[in-house]
């Protein structure tokens, strides 16, 4: 048993926070203010490219609206101390005094509070469900509250001629949309979102393949970004792409004994991952929590 006292420790299932899996991080002014309070903003600014304009365009390339953004940044940063990697959470237990988490490798950590920011498939939420379930509620009501009406392909592409660093685009058509952000050197981080035509319960959420992702992207390849580039050019230059369902819903219970959930673990909205990750940071930094 390993006990952590008097400070915070992060337990992460992945090998490293820096992994090329097609995901991008976009920071808006409110997120920047929080990171500034945490003392990591200057490091992020050194590694980022500011987004200066956001173009909203219809499927024929006609501009709907252009927004001139306050400087926003795309970066990845991690406080490397007190973060335990390769620790996929498999079990949580808690009582009125302490909480204990167990990783897949059998190691455990004991703490005064466990804060589950472990996403829509939250192990901490399942623990809270089990602690608070009654005969009047379904088993695992947190999962029962979730459904998927949209799916998203997220990816990374090499630079495309005519699309410049500092620009971002939103492309619209019936039943689908594309959002693309440029990073340093014109590298593109993008999302292709499609409507599924129905809301699927959490238990029926589909698991998609690479061919599913390609099919979705080819269906919107014709969408024009500007006079010289279309999304098909972005797809042609992609280096990573993954398709996932976008769950939506709110867990009925967020706290039990010494366990609490935040972010997507507690309330998953239709927003894209590019902004969702800031919400748990804001919640944890809010003094009203008084954890």
C-alpha atoms as a PDB file:
ATOM      1  CA  UNK A   1       0.000   0.000   0.000  1.00  0.00           C
ATOM      2  CA  UNK A   2       1.341   3.403  -0.991  1.00  0.00           C
ATOM      3  CA  UNK A   3      -0.031   6.416   0.894  1.00  0.00           C
ATOM      4  CA  UNK A   4       0.052   9.945  -0.493  1.00  0.00           C
ATOM      5  CA  UNK A   5      -0.381  12.681   2.105  1.00  0.00           C
ATOM      6  CA  UNK A   6      -0.354  16.475   2.069  1.00  0.00           C
ATOM      7  CA  UNK A   7      -0.136  16.827  -1.726  1.00  0.00           C
ATOM      8  CA  UNK A   8      -1.900  15.857  -4.944  1.00  0.00           C
ATOM      9  CA  UNK A   9      -0.928  12.892  -7.097  1.00  0.00           C
ATOM     10  CA  UNK A  10      -2.183  12.208 -10.625  1.00  0.00           C
ATOM     11  CA  UNK A  11      -2.742   8.631 -11.816  1.00  0.00           C
ATOM     12  CA  UNK A  12      -2.732   8.261 -15.601  1.00  0.00           C
ATOM     13  CA  UNK A  13      -3.436   5.135 -17.676  1.00  0.00           C
ATOM     14  CA  UNK A  14      -1.310   6.183 -20.658  1.00  0.00           C
ATOM     15  CA  UNK A  15       2.441   5.857 -21.023  1.00  0.00           C
ATOM     16  CA  UNK A  16       2.882   9.602 -21.588  1.00  0.00           C
ATOM     17  CA  UNK A  17       0.803  12.723 -22.118  1.00  0.00           C
ATOM     18  CA  UNK A  18       2.683  13.330 -25.398  1.00  0.00           C
ATOM     19  CA  UNK A  19       1.169  10.835 -27.852  1.00  0.00           C
ATOM     20  CA  UNK A  20       0.364  11.394 -31.532  1.00  0.00           C
ATOM     21  CA  UNK A  21      -3.186  10.016 -31.591  1.00  0.00           C
ATOM     22  CA  UNK A  22      -4.882  12.681 -33.677  1.00  0.00           C
ATOM     23  CA  UNK A  23      -6.035  14.821 -30.762  1.00  0.00           C
ATOM     24  CA  UNK A  24      -5.417  18.545 -30.420  1.00  0.00           C
ATOM     25  CA  UNK A  25      -5.814  20.941 -27.528  1.00  0.00           C
ATOM     26  CA  UNK A  26      -7.207  24.428 -28.022  1.00  0.00           C
ATOM     27  CA  UNK A  27      -7.080  27.049 -25.286  1.00  0.00           C
ATOM     28  CA  UNK A  28      -9.513  29.929 -25.000  1.00  0.00           C
ATOM     29  CA  UNK A  29      -8.949  33.030 -22.842  1.00  0.00           C
ATOM     30  CA  UNK A  30     -10.674  31.543 -19.773  1.00  0.00           C
ATOM     31  CA  UNK A  31      -8.475  28.450 -19.978  1.00  0.00           C
ATOM     32  CA  UNK A  32      -5.374  30.608 -20.365  1.00  0.00           C
ATOM     33  CA  UNK A  33      -6.283  32.541 -17.211  1.00  0.00           C
ATOM     34  CA  UNK A  34      -6.476  29.307 -15.229  1.00  0.00           C
ATOM     35  CA  UNK A  35      -3.146  28.047 -16.559  1.00  0.00           C
ATOM     36  CA  UNK A  36      -1.622  31.423 -15.750  1.00  0.00           C
ATOM     37  CA  UNK A  37      -2.800  30.984 -12.157  1.00  0.00           C
ATOM     38  CA  UNK A  38      -1.212  27.551 -12.107  1.00  0.00           C
ATOM     39  CA  UNK A  39       2.090  29.032 -13.294  1.00  0.00           C
ATOM     40  CA  UNK A  40       2.477  27.065 -16.555  1.00  0.00           C
ATOM     41  CA  UNK A  41       1.271  29.601 -19.145  1.00  0.00           C
ATOM     42  CA  UNK A  42       4.719  30.918 -20.096  1.00  0.00           C
ATOM     43  CA  UNK A  43       5.964  27.405 -20.880  1.00  0.00           C
ATOM     44  CA  UNK A  44       2.913  26.757 -23.073  1.00  0.00           C
ATOM     45  CA  UNK A  45       3.327  30.065 -24.909  1.00  0.00           C
ATOM     46  CA  UNK A  46       6.881  29.096 -25.881  1.00  0.00           C
ATOM     47  CA  UNK A  47       5.610  25.932 -27.616  1.00  0.00           C
ATOM     48  CA  UNK A  48       2.452  27.227 -29.268  1.00  0.00           C
ATOM     49  CA  UNK A  49       1.112  29.041 -32.291  1.00  0.00           C
ATOM     50  CA  UNK A  50      -1.548  31.709 -31.622  1.00  0.00           C
ATOM     51  CA  UNK A  51      -4.868  31.378 -33.434  1.00  0.00           C
ATOM     52  CA  UNK A  52      -5.799  34.803 -34.780  1.00  0.00           C
ATOM     53  CA  UNK A  53      -8.790  34.192 -37.074  1.00  0.00           C
ATOM     54  CA  UNK A  54     -11.666  31.698 -37.139  1.00  0.00           C
ATOM     55  CA  UNK A  55     -13.474  31.328 -40.486  1.00  0.00           C
ATOM     56  CA  UNK A  56     -17.059  30.004 -40.595  1.00  0.00           C
ATOM     57  CA  UNK A  57     -17.751  28.738 -44.125  1.00  0.00           C
ATOM     58  CA  UNK A  58     -20.633  26.946 -45.886  1.00  0.00           C
ATOM     59  CA  UNK A  59     -20.076  23.839 -47.992  1.00  0.00           C
ATOM     60  CA  UNK A  60     -19.391  25.889 -51.133  1.00  0.00           C
ATOM     61  CA  UNK A  61     -16.621  27.917 -49.539  1.00  0.00           C
ATOM     62  CA  UNK A  62     -18.731  31.051 -49.026  1.00  0.00           C
ATOM     63  CA  UNK A  63     -17.786  32.923 -45.839  1.00  0.00           C
ATOM     64  CA  UNK A  64     -20.510  33.101 -43.198  1.00  0.00           C
ATOM     65  CA  UNK A  65     -18.516  34.863 -40.513  1.00  0.00           C
ATOM     66  CA  UNK A  66     -14.897  35.575 -39.570  1.00  0.00           C
ATOM     67  CA  UNK A  67     -13.922  35.975 -35.927  1.00  0.00           C
ATOM     68  CA  UNK A  68     -10.669  37.651 -34.928  1.00  0.00           C
ATOM     69  CA  UNK A  69      -9.656  35.765 -31.855  1.00  0.00           C
ATOM     70  CA  UNK A  70      -7.699  36.882 -28.820  1.00  0.00           C
ATOM     71  CA  UNK A  71      -4.517  34.860 -28.820  1.00  0.00           C
ATOM     72  CA  UNK A  72      -5.265  31.221 -28.120  1.00  0.00           C
ATOM     73  CA  UNK A  73      -2.814  28.416 -27.902  1.00  0.00           C
ATOM     74  CA  UNK A  74      -2.546  24.740 -28.805  1.00  0.00           C
ATOM     75  CA  UNK A  75      -0.050  22.851 -26.649  1.00  0.00           C
ATOM     76  CA  UNK A  76       0.476  19.991 -24.289  1.00  0.00           C
ATOM     77  CA  UNK A  77       1.997  20.519 -20.872  1.00  0.00           C
ATOM     78  CA  UNK A  78       2.428  18.369 -17.816  1.00  0.00           C
ATOM     79  CA  UNK A  79       3.819  18.818 -14.341  1.00  0.00           C
ATOM     80  CA  UNK A  80       6.014  15.716 -14.400  1.00  0.00           C
ATOM     81  CA  UNK A  81       6.370  15.400 -10.657  1.00  0.00           C
ATOM     82  CA  UNK A  82       3.675  13.523  -8.774  1.00  0.00           C
ATOM     83  CA  UNK A  83       2.239  11.993 -11.928  1.00  0.00           C
ATOM     84  CA  UNK A  84       2.231   8.192 -12.070  1.00  0.00           C
ATOM     85  CA  UNK A  85       2.167   6.837 -15.636  1.00  0.00           C
ATOM     86  CA  UNK A  86       0.925   3.455 -16.892  1.00  0.00           C
ATOM     87  CA  UNK A  87      -1.606   3.282 -14.068  1.00  0.00           C
ATOM     88  CA  UNK A  88      -4.946   2.345 -15.602  1.00  0.00           C
ATOM     89  CA  UNK A  89      -7.541   2.579 -12.838  1.00  0.00           C
ATOM     90  CA  UNK A  90      -9.565  -0.594 -12.241  1.00  0.00           C
ATOM     91  CA  UNK A  91     -11.054  -0.200  -8.751  1.00  0.00           C
ATOM     92  CA  UNK A  92     -11.916   2.439  -6.158  1.00  0.00           C
ATOM     93  CA  UNK A  93     -12.952   2.046  -2.541  1.00  0.00           C
ATOM     94  CA  UNK A  94     -13.774   4.769  -0.023  1.00  0.00           C
ATOM     95  CA  UNK A  95     -15.229   5.365   3.404  1.00  0.00           C
ATOM     96  CA  UNK A  96     -15.719   8.408   5.620  1.00  0.00           C
ATOM     97  CA  UNK A  97     -11.984   8.870   6.234  1.00  0.00           C
ATOM     98  CA  UNK A  98      -9.942   7.712   3.202  1.00  0.00           C
ATOM     99  CA  UNK A  99     -10.217   6.557  -0.394  1.00  0.00           C
ATOM    100  CA  UNK A 100      -8.061   3.945  -2.120  1.00  0.00           C
ATOM    101  CA  UNK A 101      -7.549   3.456  -5.849  1.00  0.00           C
ATOM    102  CA  UNK A 102      -6.127   0.334  -7.478  1.00  0.00           C
ATOM    103  CA  UNK A 103      -4.328   0.275 -10.832  1.00  0.00           C
ATOM    104  CA  UNK A 104      -4.323  -2.523 -13.375  1.00  0.00           C
ATOM    105  CA  UNK A 105      -0.818  -3.555 -12.257  1.00  0.00           C
ATOM    106  CA  UNK A 106      -2.071  -4.152  -8.697  1.00  0.00           C
ATOM    107  CA  UNK A 107      -0.501  -1.042  -7.142  1.00  0.00           C
ATOM    108  CA  UNK A 108      -2.645   1.123  -4.875  1.00  0.00           C
ATOM    109  CA  UNK A 109      -2.721   4.713  -3.672  1.00  0.00           C
ATOM    110  CA  UNK A 110      -4.500   5.873  -0.525  1.00  0.00           C
ATOM    111  CA  UNK A 111      -5.594   9.492  -0.240  1.00  0.00           C
ATOM    112  CA  UNK A 112      -7.976  11.784   1.585  1.00  0.00           C
ATOM    113  CA  UNK A 113      -9.929  12.493  -1.614  1.00  0.00           C
ATOM    114  CA  UNK A 114     -10.088  10.812  -5.030  1.00  0.00           C
ATOM    115  CA  UNK A 115     -11.067  13.184  -7.855  1.00  0.00           C
ATOM    116  CA  UNK A 116     -12.176  11.294 -10.934  1.00  0.00           C
ATOM    117  CA  UNK A 117     -11.367  13.226 -14.109  1.00  0.00           C
ATOM    118  CA  UNK A 118     -11.128   9.921 -15.960  1.00  0.00           C
ATOM    119  CA  UNK A 119     -13.494  10.633 -18.814  1.00  0.00           C
ATOM    120  CA  UNK A 120     -16.825   9.366 -19.998  1.00  0.00           C
ATOM    121  CA  UNK A 121     -15.955   5.730 -19.160  1.00  0.00           C
ATOM    122  CA  UNK A 122     -15.096   6.731 -15.597  1.00  0.00           C
ATOM    123  CA  UNK A 123     -14.082   4.059 -13.095  1.00  0.00           C
ATOM    124  CA  UNK A 124     -14.619   6.557 -10.265  1.00  0.00           C
ATOM    125  CA  UNK A 125     -18.190   7.233 -11.476  1.00  0.00           C
ATOM    126  CA  UNK A 126     -18.945   3.502 -11.429  1.00  0.00           C
ATOM    127  CA  UNK A 127     -17.708   3.383  -7.830  1.00  0.00           C
ATOM    128  CA  UNK A 128     -20.000   6.292  -6.890  1.00  0.00           C
ATOM    129  CA  UNK A 129     -22.909   4.585  -8.668  1.00  0.00           C
ATOM    130  CA  UNK A 130     -22.354   1.413  -6.662  1.00  0.00           C
ATOM    131  CA  UNK A 131     -22.121   3.392  -3.429  1.00  0.00           C
ATOM    132  CA  UNK A 132     -25.362   5.286  -4.042  1.00  0.00           C
ATOM    133  CA  UNK A 133     -27.545   2.822  -5.974  1.00  0.00           C
ATOM    134  CA  UNK A 134     -30.894   1.765  -4.530  1.00  0.00           C
ATOM    135  CA  UNK A 135     -33.664  -0.581  -5.707  1.00  0.00           C
ATOM    136  CA  UNK A 136     -35.429   2.485  -7.116  1.00  0.00           C
ATOM    137  CA  UNK A 137     -32.494   3.415  -9.377  1.00  0.00           C
ATOM    138  CA  UNK A 138     -30.956   1.379 -12.220  1.00  0.00           C
ATOM    139  CA  UNK A 139     -27.622  -0.234 -11.513  1.00  0.00           C
ATOM    140  CA  UNK A 140     -24.883   2.119 -12.695  1.00  0.00           C
ATOM    141  CA  UNK A 141     -27.251   5.071 -13.260  1.00  0.00           C
ATOM    142  CA  UNK A 142     -24.318   7.221 -14.433  1.00  0.00           C
ATOM    143  CA  UNK A 143     -23.999   5.047 -17.538  1.00  0.00           C
ATOM    144  CA  UNK A 144     -27.771   4.853 -17.987  1.00  0.00           C
ATOM    145  CA  UNK A 145     -27.816   8.653 -18.289  1.00  0.00           C
ATOM    146  CA  UNK A 146     -25.493   8.667 -21.330  1.00  0.00           C
ATOM    147  CA  UNK A 147     -26.329   8.375 -25.017  1.00  0.00           C
ATOM    148  CA  UNK A 148     -24.664   9.119 -28.375  1.00  0.00           C
ATOM    149  CA  UNK A 149     -26.392  11.060 -31.144  1.00  0.00           C
ATOM    150  CA  UNK A 150     -23.203  12.182 -32.906  1.00  0.00           C
ATOM    151  CA  UNK A 151     -19.897  10.614 -33.917  1.00  0.00           C
ATOM    152  CA  UNK A 152     -16.610  12.414 -34.537  1.00  0.00           C
ATOM    153  CA  UNK A 153     -13.457  11.729 -36.490  1.00  0.00           C
ATOM    154  CA  UNK A 154     -10.539  13.631 -34.985  1.00  0.00           C
ATOM    155  CA  UNK A 155      -7.204  13.853 -36.699  1.00  0.00           C
ATOM    156  CA  UNK A 156      -3.948  15.594 -37.536  1.00  0.00           C
ATOM    157  CA  UNK A 157      -2.791  16.609 -41.022  1.00  0.00           C
ATOM    158  CA  UNK A 158       0.366  18.032 -42.502  1.00  0.00           C
ATOM    159  CA  UNK A 159       0.112  21.612 -43.853  1.00  0.00           C
ATOM    160  CA  UNK A 160      -2.214  22.269 -46.792  1.00  0.00           C
ATOM    161  CA  UNK A 161      -1.445  24.983 -49.375  1.00  0.00           C
ATOM    162  CA  UNK A 162      -3.739  27.966 -48.882  1.00  0.00           C
ATOM    163  CA  UNK A 163      -4.400  27.243 -45.193  1.00  0.00           C
ATOM    164  CA  UNK A 164      -2.104  29.292 -42.996  1.00  0.00           C
ATOM    165  CA  UNK A 165      -0.839  29.108 -39.422  1.00  0.00           C
ATOM    166  CA  UNK A 166      -3.051  31.106 -37.079  1.00  0.00           C
ATOM    167  CA  UNK A 167      -6.293  30.299 -38.931  1.00  0.00           C
ATOM    168  CA  UNK A 168      -9.178  28.061 -37.902  1.00  0.00           C
ATOM    169  CA  UNK A 169     -12.242  26.979 -39.873  1.00  0.00           C
ATOM    170  CA  UNK A 170     -15.775  25.752 -39.245  1.00  0.00           C
ATOM    171  CA  UNK A 171     -17.468  24.141 -42.269  1.00  0.00           C
ATOM    172  CA  UNK A 172     -21.188  23.411 -42.291  1.00  0.00           C
ATOM    173  CA  UNK A 173     -23.488  21.140 -44.259  1.00  0.00           C
ATOM    174  CA  UNK A 174     -26.596  19.080 -43.569  1.00  0.00           C
ATOM    175  CA  UNK A 175     -26.009  16.286 -41.031  1.00  0.00           C
ATOM    176  CA  UNK A 176     -22.265  17.031 -40.712  1.00  0.00           C
ATOM    177  CA  UNK A 177     -19.692  19.696 -39.870  1.00  0.00           C
ATOM    178  CA  UNK A 178     -15.916  20.086 -39.857  1.00  0.00           C
ATOM    179  CA  UNK A 179     -13.793  22.165 -37.481  1.00  0.00           C
ATOM    180  CA  UNK A 180     -10.082  22.683 -38.213  1.00  0.00           C
ATOM    181  CA  UNK A 181      -7.355  24.531 -36.315  1.00  0.00           C
ATOM    182  CA  UNK A 182      -3.834  25.324 -37.477  1.00  0.00           C
ATOM    183  CA  UNK A 183      -0.809  24.817 -35.277  1.00  0.00           C
ATOM    184  CA  UNK A 184       2.853  25.665 -35.629  1.00  0.00           C
ATOM    185  CA  UNK A 185       4.021  25.581 -39.237  1.00  0.00           C
ATOM    186  CA  UNK A 186       0.479  25.182 -40.560  1.00  0.00           C
ATOM    187  CA  UNK A 187      -0.077  21.705 -39.129  1.00  0.00           C
ATOM    188  CA  UNK A 188      -3.811  21.013 -38.889  1.00  0.00           C
ATOM    189  CA  UNK A 189      -5.841  19.602 -36.003  1.00  0.00           C
ATOM    190  CA  UNK A 190      -9.388  18.836 -37.106  1.00  0.00           C
ATOM    191  CA  UNK A 191     -12.731  17.261 -36.262  1.00  0.00           C
ATOM    192  CA  UNK A 192     -15.355  15.866 -38.660  1.00  0.00           C
ATOM    193  CA  UNK A 193     -18.688  15.452 -36.863  1.00  0.00           C
ATOM    194  CA  UNK A 194     -21.691  13.540 -38.214  1.00  0.00           C
ATOM    195  CA  UNK A 195     -25.246  13.073 -36.957  1.00  0.00           C
ATOM    196  CA  UNK A 196     -26.123   9.391 -36.433  1.00  0.00           C
ATOM    197  CA  UNK A 197     -29.842   9.853 -37.061  1.00  0.00           C
ATOM    198  CA  UNK A 198     -30.743   8.460 -33.635  1.00  0.00           C
ATOM    199  CA  UNK A 199     -29.605   8.562 -30.018  1.00  0.00           C
ATOM    200  CA  UNK A 200     -27.826   5.342 -29.034  1.00  0.00           C
ATOM    201  CA  UNK A 201     -27.799   4.294 -25.340  1.00  0.00           C
ATOM    202  CA  UNK A 202     -24.379   4.095 -23.688  1.00  0.00           C
ATOM    203  CA  UNK A 203     -24.445   0.280 -23.771  1.00  0.00           C
ATOM    204  CA  UNK A 204     -24.987   0.371 -27.552  1.00  0.00           C
ATOM    205  CA  UNK A 205     -22.295   2.941 -28.376  1.00  0.00           C
ATOM    206  CA  UNK A 206     -20.570   1.840 -31.567  1.00  0.00           C
ATOM    207  CA  UNK A 207     -16.875   1.035 -31.838  1.00  0.00           C
ATOM    208  CA  UNK A 208     -15.504   2.390 -35.101  1.00  0.00           C
ATOM    209  CA  UNK A 209     -12.725   1.205 -37.412  1.00  0.00           C
ATOM    210  CA  UNK A 210     -10.259   3.069 -39.630  1.00  0.00           C
ATOM    211  CA  UNK A 211     -12.512   2.401 -42.627  1.00  0.00           C
ATOM    212  CA  UNK A 212     -15.430   4.000 -40.753  1.00  0.00           C
ATOM    213  CA  UNK A 213     -13.315   7.104 -40.188  1.00  0.00           C
ATOM    214  CA  UNK A 214     -12.330   7.214 -43.851  1.00  0.00           C
ATOM    215  CA  UNK A 215     -15.954   6.869 -44.979  1.00  0.00           C
ATOM    216  CA  UNK A 216     -17.018   9.813 -42.816  1.00  0.00           C
ATOM    217  CA  UNK A 217     -14.180  12.033 -44.027  1.00  0.00           C
ATOM    218  CA  UNK A 218     -14.736  11.220 -47.681  1.00  0.00           C
ATOM    219  CA  UNK A 219     -18.409  12.160 -47.270  1.00  0.00           C
ATOM    220  CA  UNK A 220     -17.366  15.722 -46.377  1.00  0.00           C
ATOM    221  CA  UNK A 221     -14.255  15.921 -48.565  1.00  0.00           C
ATOM    222  CA  UNK A 222     -16.045  18.265 -50.978  1.00  0.00           C
ATOM    223  CA  UNK A 223     -16.550  21.016 -48.390  1.00  0.00           C
ATOM    224  CA  UNK A 224     -14.602  24.134 -49.376  1.00  0.00           C
ATOM    225  CA  UNK A 225     -12.490  25.879 -46.745  1.00  0.00           C
ATOM    226  CA  UNK A 226     -11.556  28.809 -48.957  1.00  0.00           C
ATOM    227  CA  UNK A 227     -10.999  29.568 -52.635  1.00  0.00           C
ATOM    228  CA  UNK A 228      -8.089  27.140 -52.987  1.00  0.00           C
ATOM    229  CA  UNK A 229      -8.515  24.404 -50.355  1.00  0.00           C
ATOM    230  CA  UNK A 230     -11.204  21.916 -49.406  1.00  0.00           C
ATOM    231  CA  UNK A 231     -11.409  19.368 -46.597  1.00  0.00           C
ATOM    232  CA  UNK A 232     -10.418  16.664 -49.063  1.00  0.00           C
ATOM    233  CA  UNK A 233      -6.964  18.271 -49.191  1.00  0.00           C
ATOM    234  CA  UNK A 234      -6.780  18.059 -45.397  1.00  0.00           C
ATOM    235  CA  UNK A 235      -7.821  14.401 -45.453  1.00  0.00           C
ATOM    236  CA  UNK A 236      -5.278  13.665 -48.187  1.00  0.00           C
ATOM    237  CA  UNK A 237      -2.507  14.982 -45.884  1.00  0.00           C
ATOM    238  CA  UNK A 238      -3.705  13.315 -42.671  1.00  0.00           C
ATOM    239  CA  UNK A 239      -1.172  11.526 -40.477  1.00  0.00           C
ATOM    240  CA  UNK A 240      -3.617  10.292 -37.825  1.00  0.00           C
ATOM    241  CA  UNK A 241      -7.392   9.879 -37.660  1.00  0.00           C
ATOM    242  CA  UNK A 242      -9.728   8.130 -35.227  1.00  0.00           C
ATOM    243  CA  UNK A 243     -13.523   7.893 -35.048  1.00  0.00           C
ATOM    244  CA  UNK A 244     -15.429   7.820 -31.763  1.00  0.00           C
ATOM    245  CA  UNK A 245     -18.969   8.273 -30.537  1.00  0.00           C
ATOM    246  CA  UNK A 246     -19.752  11.532 -28.736  1.00  0.00           C
ATOM    247  CA  UNK A 247     -21.582  10.640 -25.550  1.00  0.00           C
ATOM    248  CA  UNK A 248     -23.901  13.144 -23.878  1.00  0.00           C
ATOM    249  CA  UNK A 249     -25.538  13.111 -20.468  1.00  0.00           C
ATOM    250  CA  UNK A 250     -25.184  13.932 -16.789  1.00  0.00           C
ATOM    251  CA  UNK A 251     -24.507  11.531 -13.937  1.00  0.00           C
ATOM    252  CA  UNK A 252     -27.176  11.810 -11.222  1.00  0.00           C
ATOM    253  CA  UNK A 253     -24.614  11.644  -8.386  1.00  0.00           C
ATOM    254  CA  UNK A 254     -21.159  13.228  -8.362  1.00  0.00           C
ATOM    255  CA  UNK A 255     -19.969  12.560  -4.796  1.00  0.00           C
ATOM    256  CA  UNK A 256     -19.889   9.570  -2.455  1.00  0.00           C
ATOM    257  CA  UNK A 257     -17.799   9.416   0.703  1.00  0.00           C
ATOM    258  CA  UNK A 258     -14.266  10.469  -0.336  1.00  0.00           C
ATOM    259  CA  UNK A 259     -14.774  10.178  -4.102  1.00  0.00           C
ATOM    260  CA  UNK A 260     -15.883  12.947  -6.489  1.00  0.00           C
ATOM    261  CA  UNK A 261     -16.123  13.200 -10.285  1.00  0.00           C
ATOM    262  CA  UNK A 262     -15.505  16.241 -12.523  1.00  0.00           C
ATOM    263  CA  UNK A 263     -15.508  17.057 -16.240  1.00  0.00           C
ATOM    264  CA  UNK A 264     -16.714  14.401 -18.686  1.00  0.00           C
ATOM    265  CA  UNK A 265     -16.939  11.862 -15.869  1.00  0.00           C
ATOM    266  CA  UNK A 266     -19.802  13.885 -14.398  1.00  0.00           C
ATOM    267  CA  UNK A 267     -21.391  15.795 -17.278  1.00  0.00           C
ATOM    268  CA  UNK A 268     -20.645  15.067 -20.909  1.00  0.00           C
ATOM    269  CA  UNK A 269     -21.945  17.618 -23.370  1.00  0.00           C
ATOM    270  CA  UNK A 270     -21.901  17.769 -27.159  1.00  0.00           C
ATOM    271  CA  UNK A 271     -18.824  20.023 -27.183  1.00  0.00           C
ATOM    272  CA  UNK A 272     -15.715  18.733 -28.866  1.00  0.00           C
ATOM    273  CA  UNK A 273     -12.704  17.431 -26.881  1.00  0.00           C
ATOM    274  CA  UNK A 274     -10.733  20.487 -28.000  1.00  0.00           C
ATOM    275  CA  UNK A 275     -12.445  22.551 -25.284  1.00  0.00           C
ATOM    276  CA  UNK A 276     -13.866  19.962 -22.876  1.00  0.00           C
ATOM    277  CA  UNK A 277     -10.559  19.304 -21.155  1.00  0.00           C
ATOM    278  CA  UNK A 278     -10.499  22.811 -19.674  1.00  0.00           C
ATOM    279  CA  UNK A 279     -13.667  22.249 -17.640  1.00  0.00           C
ATOM    280  CA  UNK A 280     -12.210  19.918 -14.991  1.00  0.00           C
ATOM    281  CA  UNK A 281      -9.274  22.323 -14.560  1.00  0.00           C
ATOM    282  CA  UNK A 282     -11.693  25.186 -13.945  1.00  0.00           C
ATOM    283  CA  UNK A 283     -13.720  23.092 -11.511  1.00  0.00           C
ATOM    284  CA  UNK A 284     -10.686  22.022  -9.492  1.00  0.00           C
ATOM    285  CA  UNK A 285      -9.338  25.576  -9.429  1.00  0.00           C
ATOM    286  CA  UNK A 286     -12.657  26.988  -8.207  1.00  0.00           C
ATOM    287  CA  UNK A 287     -12.370  27.861  -4.493  1.00  0.00           C
ATOM    288  CA  UNK A 288     -16.083  27.126  -4.039  1.00  0.00           C
ATOM    289  CA  UNK A 289     -15.265  23.422  -4.197  1.00  0.00           C
ATOM    290  CA  UNK A 290     -13.437  23.562  -0.851  1.00  0.00           C
ATOM    291  CA  UNK A 291     -12.363  19.943  -1.174  1.00  0.00           C
END
